Amino acid sequence: MTPFLKMHGLGNDFVVFDARKSPVALDRAQARALADRRHGIGCDQVIVMERSTNGADASMRIFNADGGEVESCGNAARCVARLLMDENGARAVALDSAGGTLNCASVDGQVRIDMGIPKFSWRDIPLREERDTISFSLRVPGTELPALKQAAAVNVGNPHCVLFVEDAATAPVQSVGPTIETHPLFPQRTNLEFVQVLSPDRMRMRVWERGAGMTLACGTGACASVAAAYRRGLCRNRVDVGLDGGTLRIEWEGEGSPIFMTGPSALSYRGEIDLGAPA
């Protein structure tokens, strides 16, 4: 039997395996079976903690609910960072991921993460063709959504498309999300954020995550939303982003600067599972 932790950051939930001492080999089918909410444990992402080869405190592999391995997950990073800090009695840790090394610190009971420098070049998102990533028209057949005329694109360790809407609560997340996730403009697919700017320091955001669908929160999505809004002059450099599962604080000083995310993490329960059992 293999032990695991069930954790979440603002309701964005994870199955976490610690493979630093004993390897945990997962393939796409196993990750998808674990994430299944009817027949598996149920989660948005499966996380495998491993030893770092770069001198960081640990490395993190991330599998989305569809079984695909991805680069970054801000909410999962906070959960893993909290585990490491509680284990070591440290106030700060470094965490490797495919999206880059994340420097994490404990601040007033929450975890603050340097998410790296957002990227805006169309090649870095990546997009299939050149676009002005501050604002571009995105054609989606059969969808008449005004926000599509001024879409934005950001890479915060993974690709994001940001749409600014008048009312995030009524945004068509479930109907439009799958179509834009797999839009031909995004060769690696994309995460999609629907963002309502409430004031210069407050936003409301709902998200469709690549490979996971609609989730209660997305840390990299909150970062991407603030970066996109700041580039348009819609917000200040410190913003509280309200998601379906709670609030994240995002701080950014502008292009060329790292973006910081602060929020909670929680342990739901501990368990064991036979990874060799049929799905």
C-alpha atoms as a PDB file:
ATOM      1  CA  MET A   1       0.000   0.000   0.000  1.00  0.00           C
ATOM      2  CA  THR A   2       1.219   3.505  -0.835  1.00  0.00           C
ATOM      3  CA  PRO A   3       0.499   6.372   1.569  1.00  0.00           C
ATOM      4  CA  PHE A   4      -0.934   9.644   0.252  1.00  0.00           C
ATOM      5  CA  LEU A   5      -2.206  12.987   1.521  1.00  0.00           C
ATOM      6  CA  LYS A   6      -5.400  14.672   0.374  1.00  0.00           C
ATOM      7  CA  MET A   7      -4.798  18.442   0.405  1.00  0.00           C
ATOM      8  CA  HIS A   8      -6.336  21.576  -1.047  1.00  0.00           C
ATOM      9  CA  GLY A   9      -5.694  25.256  -1.619  1.00  0.00           C
ATOM     10  CA  LEU A  10      -8.994  27.168  -1.619  1.00  0.00           C
ATOM     11  CA  GLY A  11     -10.828  24.017  -2.721  1.00  0.00           C
ATOM     12  CA  ASN A  12      -8.450  23.261  -5.610  1.00  0.00           C
ATOM     13  CA  ASP A  13      -7.698  19.724  -4.375  1.00  0.00           C
ATOM     14  CA  PHE A  14      -4.793  17.333  -4.721  1.00  0.00           C
ATOM     15  CA  VAL A  15      -3.680  13.789  -4.037  1.00  0.00           C
ATOM     16  CA  VAL A  16      -0.056  14.110  -2.883  1.00  0.00           C
ATOM     17  CA  PHE A  17       2.480  11.251  -2.901  1.00  0.00           C
ATOM     18  CA  ASP A  18       5.882  11.541  -1.227  1.00  0.00           C
ATOM     19  CA  ALA A  19       8.406   9.761  -3.468  1.00  0.00           C
ATOM     20  CA  ARG A  20      11.572  11.190  -1.905  1.00  0.00           C
ATOM     21  CA  LYS A  21      12.478   7.913  -0.171  1.00  0.00           C
ATOM     22  CA  SER A  22      10.509   5.316  -2.125  1.00  0.00           C
ATOM     23  CA  PRO A  23       9.734   5.880  -5.821  1.00  0.00           C
ATOM     24  CA  VAL A  24       6.119   6.301  -6.893  1.00  0.00           C
ATOM     25  CA  ALA A  25       5.750   5.561 -10.594  1.00  0.00           C
ATOM     26  CA  LEU A  26       2.589   6.962 -12.166  1.00  0.00           C
ATOM     27  CA  ASP A  27       1.502   6.857 -15.765  1.00  0.00           C
ATOM     28  CA  ARG A  28      -1.275   8.834 -17.417  1.00  0.00           C
ATOM     29  CA  ALA A  29      -3.912   6.138 -16.860  1.00  0.00           C
ATOM     30  CA  GLN A  30      -3.080   5.767 -13.155  1.00  0.00           C
ATOM     31  CA  ALA A  31      -3.185   9.518 -12.564  1.00  0.00           C
ATOM     32  CA  ARG A  32      -6.524   9.770 -14.340  1.00  0.00           C
ATOM     33  CA  ALA A  33      -7.926   6.882 -12.274  1.00  0.00           C
ATOM     34  CA  LEU A  34      -6.748   8.441  -9.010  1.00  0.00           C
ATOM     35  CA  ALA A  35      -8.364  11.767  -9.916  1.00  0.00           C
ATOM     36  CA  ASP A  36     -11.728  10.184 -10.758  1.00  0.00           C
ATOM     37  CA  ARG A  37     -14.260  11.404  -8.191  1.00  0.00           C
ATOM     38  CA  ARG A  38     -16.509   8.337  -8.486  1.00  0.00           C
ATOM     39  CA  HIS A  39     -14.062   5.455  -8.768  1.00  0.00           C
ATOM     40  CA  GLY A  40     -10.798   6.916  -7.436  1.00  0.00           C
ATOM     41  CA  ILE A  41      -9.756   9.225  -4.607  1.00  0.00           C
ATOM     42  CA  GLY A  42     -10.913  12.302  -6.500  1.00  0.00           C
ATOM     43  CA  CYS A  43      -8.919  15.471  -7.139  1.00  0.00           C
ATOM     44  CA  ASP A  44      -8.094  18.218  -9.619  1.00  0.00           C
ATOM     45  CA  GLN A  45      -4.405  17.260  -9.759  1.00  0.00           C
ATOM     46  CA  VAL A  46      -2.151  14.416  -8.601  1.00  0.00           C
ATOM     47  CA  ILE A  47       1.166  15.574  -7.126  1.00  0.00           C
ATOM     48  CA  VAL A  48       4.351  13.540  -6.713  1.00  0.00           C
ATOM     49  CA  MET A  49       7.041  14.959  -4.416  1.00  0.00           C
ATOM     50  CA  GLU A  50      10.548  13.835  -5.385  1.00  0.00           C
ATOM     51  CA  ARG A  51      14.129  14.626  -4.455  1.00  0.00           C
ATOM     52  CA  SER A  52      15.460  17.675  -6.258  1.00  0.00           C
ATOM     53  CA  THR A  53      18.499  17.399  -8.520  1.00  0.00           C
ATOM     54  CA  ASN A  54      19.107  21.174  -8.341  1.00  0.00           C
ATOM     55  CA  GLY A  55      19.674  21.637  -4.616  1.00  0.00           C
ATOM     56  CA  ALA A  56      16.068  22.659  -3.872  1.00  0.00           C
ATOM     57  CA  ASP A  57      14.241  21.186  -0.894  1.00  0.00           C
ATOM     58  CA  ALA A  58      12.116  18.979  -3.163  1.00  0.00           C
ATOM     59  CA  SER A  59      10.802  18.629  -6.688  1.00  0.00           C
ATOM     60  CA  MET A  60       7.135  18.442  -7.674  1.00  0.00           C
ATOM     61  CA  ARG A  61       5.537  16.602 -10.590  1.00  0.00           C
ATOM     62  CA  ILE A  62       1.982  17.569 -11.504  1.00  0.00           C
ATOM     63  CA  PHE A  63      -0.625  15.435 -13.277  1.00  0.00           C
ATOM     64  CA  ASN A  64      -3.938  16.995 -14.241  1.00  0.00           C
ATOM     65  CA  ALA A  65      -7.205  15.112 -13.781  1.00  0.00           C
ATOM     66  CA  ASP A  66      -7.044  13.949 -17.412  1.00  0.00           C
ATOM     67  CA  GLY A  67      -3.705  12.274 -16.654  1.00  0.00           C
ATOM     68  CA  GLY A  68      -1.541  14.751 -18.551  1.00  0.00           C
ATOM     69  CA  GLU A  69       1.634  15.990 -16.869  1.00  0.00           C
ATOM     70  CA  VAL A  70       1.899  19.800 -16.695  1.00  0.00           C
ATOM     71  CA  GLU A  71       4.394  22.463 -15.705  1.00  0.00           C
ATOM     72  CA  SER A  72       2.991  24.454 -12.795  1.00  0.00           C
ATOM     73  CA  CYS A  73       0.280  24.622 -10.153  1.00  0.00           C
ATOM     74  CA  GLY A  74       0.369  27.484  -7.668  1.00  0.00           C
ATOM     75  CA  ASN A  75      -2.142  26.054  -5.187  1.00  0.00           C
ATOM     76  CA  ALA A  76      -0.366  22.685  -5.138  1.00  0.00           C
ATOM     77  CA  ALA A  77       2.967  24.428  -4.654  1.00  0.00           C
ATOM     78  CA  ARG A  78       1.626  26.111  -1.517  1.00  0.00           C
ATOM     79  CA  CYS A  79       0.474  22.751  -0.159  1.00  0.00           C
ATOM     80  CA  VAL A  80       3.800  21.040  -0.828  1.00  0.00           C
ATOM     81  CA  ALA A  81       5.740  24.018   0.532  1.00  0.00           C
ATOM     82  CA  ARG A  82       3.710  23.906   3.752  1.00  0.00           C
ATOM     83  CA  LEU A  83       4.454  20.182   4.129  1.00  0.00           C
ATOM     84  CA  LEU A  84       8.170  20.826   3.705  1.00  0.00           C
ATOM     85  CA  MET A  85       8.244  23.777   6.086  1.00  0.00           C
ATOM     86  CA  ASP A  86       6.335  21.873   8.770  1.00  0.00           C
ATOM     87  CA  GLU A  87       8.672  18.907   8.296  1.00  0.00           C
ATOM     88  CA  ASN A  88      11.885  20.931   8.499  1.00  0.00           C
ATOM     89  CA  GLY A  89      10.781  23.660  10.900  1.00  0.00           C
ATOM     90  CA  ALA A  90      11.855  26.129   8.223  1.00  0.00           C
ATOM     91  CA  ARG A  91      10.340  29.489   7.328  1.00  0.00           C
ATOM     92  CA  ALA A  92      11.265  29.181   3.649  1.00  0.00           C
ATOM     93  CA  VAL A  93      11.839  26.411   1.098  1.00  0.00           C
ATOM     94  CA  ALA A  94      12.678  26.084  -2.594  1.00  0.00           C
ATOM     95  CA  LEU A  95      10.558  23.809  -4.768  1.00  0.00           C
ATOM     96  CA  ASP A  96      11.425  22.597  -8.262  1.00  0.00           C
ATOM     97  CA  SER A  97       8.775  22.080 -10.947  1.00  0.00           C
ATOM     98  CA  ALA A  98       8.789  21.740 -14.715  1.00  0.00           C
ATOM     99  CA  GLY A  99       7.677  25.389 -14.830  1.00  0.00           C
ATOM    100  CA  GLY A 100      10.719  26.560 -12.850  1.00  0.00           C
ATOM    101  CA  THR A 101      12.010  26.792  -9.288  1.00  0.00           C
ATOM    102  CA  LEU A 102       9.584  28.345  -6.795  1.00  0.00           C
ATOM    103  CA  ASN A 103      10.842  30.107  -3.676  1.00  0.00           C
ATOM    104  CA  CYS A 104       8.250  29.778  -0.921  1.00  0.00           C
ATOM    105  CA  ALA A 105       7.974  31.444   2.496  1.00  0.00           C
ATOM    106  CA  SER A 106       5.625  31.275   5.464  1.00  0.00           C
ATOM    107  CA  VAL A 107       3.864  34.614   6.061  1.00  0.00           C
ATOM    108  CA  ASP A 108       1.260  35.005   8.835  1.00  0.00           C
ATOM    109  CA  GLY A 109       0.224  31.365   8.604  1.00  0.00           C
ATOM    110  CA  GLN A 110      -0.076  31.406   4.822  1.00  0.00           C
ATOM    111  CA  VAL A 111       2.424  30.601   2.067  1.00  0.00           C
ATOM    112  CA  ARG A 112       3.878  33.296  -0.177  1.00  0.00           C
ATOM    113  CA  ILE A 113       5.468  32.088  -3.416  1.00  0.00           C
ATOM    114  CA  ASP A 114       7.679  33.821  -5.944  1.00  0.00           C
ATOM    115  CA  MET A 115       5.997  32.485  -9.087  1.00  0.00           C
ATOM    116  CA  GLY A 116       8.717  33.805 -11.393  1.00  0.00           C
ATOM    117  CA  ILE A 117       8.597  36.440 -14.114  1.00  0.00           C
ATOM    118  CA  PRO A 118       5.456  36.341 -16.273  1.00  0.00           C
ATOM    119  CA  LYS A 119       6.097  35.929 -19.989  1.00  0.00           C
ATOM    120  CA  PHE A 120       4.164  37.761 -22.689  1.00  0.00           C
ATOM    121  CA  SER A 121       5.862  36.949 -25.982  1.00  0.00           C
ATOM    122  CA  TRP A 122       3.494  35.020 -28.233  1.00  0.00           C
ATOM    123  CA  ARG A 123       6.189  32.371 -28.650  1.00  0.00           C
ATOM    124  CA  ASP A 124       6.517  31.953 -24.869  1.00  0.00           C
ATOM    125  CA  ILE A 125       2.795  31.483 -24.183  1.00  0.00           C
ATOM    126  CA  PRO A 126       2.959  29.675 -26.675  1.00  0.00           C
ATOM    127  CA  LEU A 127       0.604  30.781 -29.453  1.00  0.00           C
ATOM    128  CA  ARG A 128       0.515  29.238 -32.900  1.00  0.00           C
ATOM    129  CA  GLU A 129       0.912  32.615 -34.581  1.00  0.00           C
ATOM    130  CA  GLU A 130       1.962  36.145 -33.670  1.00  0.00           C
ATOM    131  CA  ARG A 131      -0.525  38.190 -31.629  1.00  0.00           C
ATOM    132  CA  ASP A 132      -0.315  41.245 -29.389  1.00  0.00           C
ATOM    133  CA  THR A 133      -0.811  39.407 -26.099  1.00  0.00           C
ATOM    134  CA  ILE A 134      -2.080  42.526 -24.273  1.00  0.00           C
ATOM    135  CA  SER A 135      -5.241  42.409 -26.365  1.00  0.00           C
ATOM    136  CA  PHE A 136      -6.236  40.352 -29.391  1.00  0.00           C
ATOM    137  CA  SER A 137      -9.403  39.048 -30.996  1.00  0.00           C
ATOM    138  CA  LEU A 138     -10.088  35.351 -30.493  1.00  0.00           C
ATOM    139  CA  ARG A 139     -12.613  33.828 -32.888  1.00  0.00           C
ATOM    140  CA  VAL A 140     -14.712  31.035 -31.400  1.00  0.00           C
ATOM    141  CA  PRO A 141     -17.369  29.786 -33.859  1.00  0.00           C
ATOM    142  CA  GLY A 142     -20.854  29.878 -32.377  1.00  0.00           C
ATOM    143  CA  THR A 143     -19.844  32.041 -29.410  1.00  0.00           C
ATOM    144  CA  GLU A 144     -20.747  35.728 -29.245  1.00  0.00           C
ATOM    145  CA  LEU A 145     -18.896  36.877 -26.141  1.00  0.00           C
ATOM    146  CA  PRO A 146     -17.720  40.536 -26.186  1.00  0.00           C
ATOM    147  CA  ALA A 147     -14.655  39.676 -24.065  1.00  0.00           C
ATOM    148  CA  LEU A 148     -13.296  37.542 -26.926  1.00  0.00           C
ATOM    149  CA  LYS A 149     -12.608  40.730 -28.892  1.00  0.00           C
ATOM    150  CA  GLN A 150      -9.989  41.746 -26.312  1.00  0.00           C
ATOM    151  CA  ALA A 151      -8.456  38.539 -25.002  1.00  0.00           C
ATOM    152  CA  ALA A 152      -5.056  38.526 -23.284  1.00  0.00           C
ATOM    153  CA  ALA A 153      -2.419  35.792 -23.021  1.00  0.00           C
ATOM    154  CA  VAL A 154       0.172  35.197 -20.289  1.00  0.00           C
ATOM    155  CA  ASN A 155       2.581  32.426 -19.344  1.00  0.00           C
ATOM    156  CA  VAL A 156       3.140  31.995 -15.588  1.00  0.00           C
ATOM    157  CA  GLY A 157       4.940  28.676 -15.837  1.00  0.00           C
ATOM    158  CA  ASN A 158       1.972  27.470 -17.931  1.00  0.00           C
ATOM    159  CA  PRO A 159      -0.243  29.078 -20.614  1.00  0.00           C
ATOM    160  CA  HIS A 160      -3.258  31.260 -19.808  1.00  0.00           C
ATOM    161  CA  CYS A 161      -5.919  33.079 -21.787  1.00  0.00           C
ATOM    162  CA  VAL A 162      -7.587  35.896 -19.823  1.00  0.00           C
ATOM    163  CA  LEU A 163     -11.016  37.324 -20.661  1.00  0.00           C
ATOM    164  CA  PHE A 164     -12.287  40.469 -18.914  1.00  0.00           C
ATOM    165  CA  VAL A 165     -16.038  40.268 -18.318  1.00  0.00           C
ATOM    166  CA  GLU A 166     -18.666  42.479 -16.699  1.00  0.00           C
ATOM    167  CA  ASP A 167     -19.923  39.743 -14.373  1.00  0.00           C
ATOM    168  CA  ALA A 168     -17.735  36.768 -13.496  1.00  0.00           C
ATOM    169  CA  ALA A 169     -20.636  35.054 -11.703  1.00  0.00           C
ATOM    170  CA  THR A 170     -22.554  34.603 -14.958  1.00  0.00           C
ATOM    171  CA  ALA A 171     -19.554  33.985 -17.218  1.00  0.00           C
ATOM    172  CA  PRO A 172     -19.956  30.880 -19.444  1.00  0.00           C
ATOM    173  CA  VAL A 173     -17.081  28.962 -17.858  1.00  0.00           C
ATOM    174  CA  GLN A 174     -18.392  25.465 -18.544  1.00  0.00           C
ATOM    175  CA  SER A 175     -19.687  26.110 -22.046  1.00  0.00           C
ATOM    176  CA  VAL A 176     -16.801  28.194 -23.415  1.00  0.00           C
ATOM    177  CA  GLY A 177     -13.941  26.742 -21.346  1.00  0.00           C
ATOM    178  CA  PRO A 178     -13.506  23.436 -23.216  1.00  0.00           C
ATOM    179  CA  THR A 179     -13.592  25.160 -26.608  1.00  0.00           C
ATOM    180  CA  ILE A 180     -10.920  27.727 -25.770  1.00  0.00           C
ATOM    181  CA  GLU A 181      -8.761  25.184 -23.902  1.00  0.00           C
ATOM    182  CA  THR A 182      -8.362  23.293 -27.185  1.00  0.00           C
ATOM    183  CA  HIS A 183      -8.489  26.306 -29.541  1.00  0.00           C
ATOM    184  CA  PRO A 184      -6.030  25.941 -32.456  1.00  0.00           C
ATOM    185  CA  LEU A 185      -4.276  29.176 -31.395  1.00  0.00           C
ATOM    186  CA  PHE A 186      -2.910  27.360 -28.317  1.00  0.00           C
ATOM    187  CA  PRO A 187      -0.739  24.411 -29.424  1.00  0.00           C
ATOM    188  CA  GLN A 188      -0.234  23.212 -25.839  1.00  0.00           C
ATOM    189  CA  ARG A 189      -3.853  23.990 -24.899  1.00  0.00           C
ATOM    190  CA  THR A 190      -4.527  26.736 -22.340  1.00  0.00           C
ATOM    191  CA  ASN A 191      -6.053  27.610 -19.003  1.00  0.00           C
ATOM    192  CA  LEU A 192      -8.875  30.131 -19.234  1.00  0.00           C
ATOM    193  CA  GLU A 193      -9.760  32.892 -16.750  1.00  0.00           C
ATOM    194  CA  PHE A 194     -12.937  34.993 -16.686  1.00  0.00           C
ATOM    195  CA  VAL A 195     -12.052  38.156 -14.753  1.00  0.00           C
ATOM    196  CA  GLN A 196     -14.208  40.951 -13.372  1.00  0.00           C
ATOM    197  CA  VAL A 197     -12.271  43.999 -12.152  1.00  0.00           C
ATOM    198  CA  LEU A 198     -14.141  45.254  -9.085  1.00  0.00           C
ATOM    199  CA  SER A 199     -11.682  48.015  -8.135  1.00  0.00           C
ATOM    200  CA  PRO A 200      -7.975  48.739  -8.671  1.00  0.00           C
ATOM    201  CA  ASP A 201      -7.121  46.333  -5.846  1.00  0.00           C
ATOM    202  CA  ARG A 202      -9.916  43.737  -6.087  1.00  0.00           C
ATOM    203  CA  MET A 203     -10.910  41.231  -8.762  1.00  0.00           C
ATOM    204  CA  ARG A 204     -13.327  38.353  -9.094  1.00  0.00           C
ATOM    205  CA  MET A 205     -12.101  35.407 -11.170  1.00  0.00           C
ATOM    206  CA  ARG A 206     -13.497  32.060 -12.302  1.00  0.00           C
ATOM    207  CA  VAL A 207     -11.413  29.499 -14.103  1.00  0.00           C
ATOM    208  CA  TRP A 208     -11.409  26.602 -16.528  1.00  0.00           C
ATOM    209  CA  GLU A 209      -8.174  24.666 -16.022  1.00  0.00           C
ATOM    210  CA  ARG A 210      -6.436  22.837 -18.817  1.00  0.00           C
ATOM    211  CA  GLY A 211      -6.896  19.114 -18.260  1.00  0.00           C
ATOM    212  CA  ALA A 212      -8.986  19.564 -15.094  1.00  0.00           C
ATOM    213  CA  GLY A 213     -12.038  21.592 -16.098  1.00  0.00           C
ATOM    214  CA  MET A 214     -13.781  24.090 -13.841  1.00  0.00           C
ATOM    215  CA  THR A 215     -12.060  24.273 -10.454  1.00  0.00           C
ATOM    216  CA  LEU A 216     -12.649  26.333  -7.321  1.00  0.00           C
ATOM    217  CA  ALA A 217      -9.293  28.101  -7.564  1.00  0.00           C
ATOM    218  CA  CYS A 218      -6.182  28.429  -9.720  1.00  0.00           C
ATOM    219  CA  GLY A 219      -3.053  30.111  -8.360  1.00  0.00           C
ATOM    220  CA  THR A 220      -1.272  30.571 -11.669  1.00  0.00           C
ATOM    221  CA  GLY A 221      -4.577  31.788 -13.127  1.00  0.00           C
ATOM    222  CA  ALA A 222      -4.861  34.479 -10.453  1.00  0.00           C
ATOM    223  CA  CYS A 223      -1.303  35.564 -11.237  1.00  0.00           C
ATOM    224  CA  ALA A 224      -2.001  35.624 -14.975  1.00  0.00           C
ATOM    225  CA  SER A 225      -5.177  37.655 -14.440  1.00  0.00           C
ATOM    226  CA  VAL A 226      -3.423  40.342 -12.398  1.00  0.00           C
ATOM    227  CA  ALA A 227      -0.533  40.512 -14.864  1.00  0.00           C
ATOM    228  CA  ALA A 228      -2.939  40.918 -17.793  1.00  0.00           C
ATOM    229  CA  ALA A 229      -4.979  43.569 -15.952  1.00  0.00           C
ATOM    230  CA  TYR A 230      -1.903  45.500 -14.811  1.00  0.00           C
ATOM    231  CA  ARG A 231      -0.577  45.662 -18.375  1.00  0.00           C
ATOM    232  CA  ARG A 232      -3.857  47.338 -19.385  1.00  0.00           C
ATOM    233  CA  GLY A 233      -3.799  49.777 -16.476  1.00  0.00           C
ATOM    234  CA  LEU A 234      -6.817  48.146 -14.812  1.00  0.00           C
ATOM    235  CA  CYS A 235      -5.293  47.452 -11.400  1.00  0.00           C
ATOM    236  CA  ARG A 236      -2.601  48.360  -8.892  1.00  0.00           C
ATOM    237  CA  ASN A 237       0.398  46.172  -8.077  1.00  0.00           C
ATOM    238  CA  ARG A 238      -1.262  44.469  -5.100  1.00  0.00           C
ATOM    239  CA  VAL A 239      -4.625  42.810  -5.775  1.00  0.00           C
ATOM    240  CA  ASP A 240      -6.914  40.500  -3.825  1.00  0.00           C
ATOM    241  CA  VAL A 241      -8.353  37.989  -6.292  1.00  0.00           C
ATOM    242  CA  GLY A 242     -11.626  36.368  -5.214  1.00  0.00           C
ATOM    243  CA  LEU A 243     -12.109  32.856  -6.596  1.00  0.00           C
ATOM    244  CA  ASP A 244     -14.941  30.390  -6.085  1.00  0.00           C
ATOM    245  CA  GLY A 245     -12.971  28.812  -3.216  1.00  0.00           C
ATOM    246  CA  GLY A 246     -11.594  31.927  -1.506  1.00  0.00           C
ATOM    247  CA  THR A 247      -9.110  34.767  -1.935  1.00  0.00           C
ATOM    248  CA  LEU A 248      -5.486  34.963  -3.067  1.00  0.00           C
ATOM    249  CA  ARG A 249      -3.281  38.041  -2.788  1.00  0.00           C
ATOM    250  CA  ILE A 250      -1.196  38.745  -5.894  1.00  0.00           C
ATOM    251  CA  GLU A 251       1.663  41.261  -6.005  1.00  0.00           C
ATOM    252  CA  TRP A 252       3.512  42.402  -9.117  1.00  0.00           C
ATOM    253  CA  GLU A 253       5.694  45.397  -9.917  1.00  0.00           C
ATOM    254  CA  GLY A 254       5.331  45.139 -13.683  1.00  0.00           C
ATOM    255  CA  GLU A 255       7.104  43.599 -16.668  1.00  0.00           C
ATOM    256  CA  GLY A 256      10.478  42.062 -15.910  1.00  0.00           C
ATOM    257  CA  SER A 257       9.580  41.567 -12.218  1.00  0.00           C
ATOM    258  CA  PRO A 258       8.590  38.335 -10.472  1.00  0.00           C
ATOM    259  CA  ILE A 259       4.963  37.895  -9.448  1.00  0.00           C
ATOM    260  CA  PHE A 260       4.084  36.804  -5.912  1.00  0.00           C
ATOM    261  CA  MET A 261       1.084  34.789  -4.720  1.00  0.00           C
ATOM    262  CA  THR A 262      -0.011  34.442  -1.072  1.00  0.00           C
ATOM    263  CA  GLY A 263      -2.727  32.114   0.174  1.00  0.00           C
ATOM    264  CA  PRO A 264      -3.660  29.220   2.466  1.00  0.00           C
ATOM    265  CA  SER A 265      -3.185  25.468   2.256  1.00  0.00           C
ATOM    266  CA  ALA A 266      -4.971  22.671   4.065  1.00  0.00           C
ATOM    267  CA  LEU A 267      -4.576  18.965   4.807  1.00  0.00           C
ATOM    268  CA  SER A 268      -7.897  17.139   4.460  1.00  0.00           C
ATOM    269  CA  TYR A 269      -6.825  13.608   5.410  1.00  0.00           C
ATOM    270  CA  ARG A 270      -4.159  10.896   5.116  1.00  0.00           C
ATOM    271  CA  GLY A 271      -4.738   7.539   3.435  1.00  0.00           C
ATOM    272  CA  GLU A 272      -3.219   4.538   1.684  1.00  0.00           C
ATOM    273  CA  ILE A 273      -3.958   3.075  -1.733  1.00  0.00           C
ATOM    274  CA  ASP A 274      -2.889   0.060  -3.741  1.00  0.00           C
ATOM    275  CA  LEU A 275      -1.506   1.611  -6.919  1.00  0.00           C
ATOM    276  CA  GLY A 276      -1.335  -1.812  -8.525  1.00  0.00           C
ATOM    277  CA  ALA A 277      -5.047  -2.514  -8.139  1.00  0.00           C
ATOM    278  CA  PRO A 278      -7.224  -2.331 -11.279  1.00  0.00           C
ATOM    279  CA  ALA A 279      -8.867   1.062 -11.854  1.00  0.00           C
END
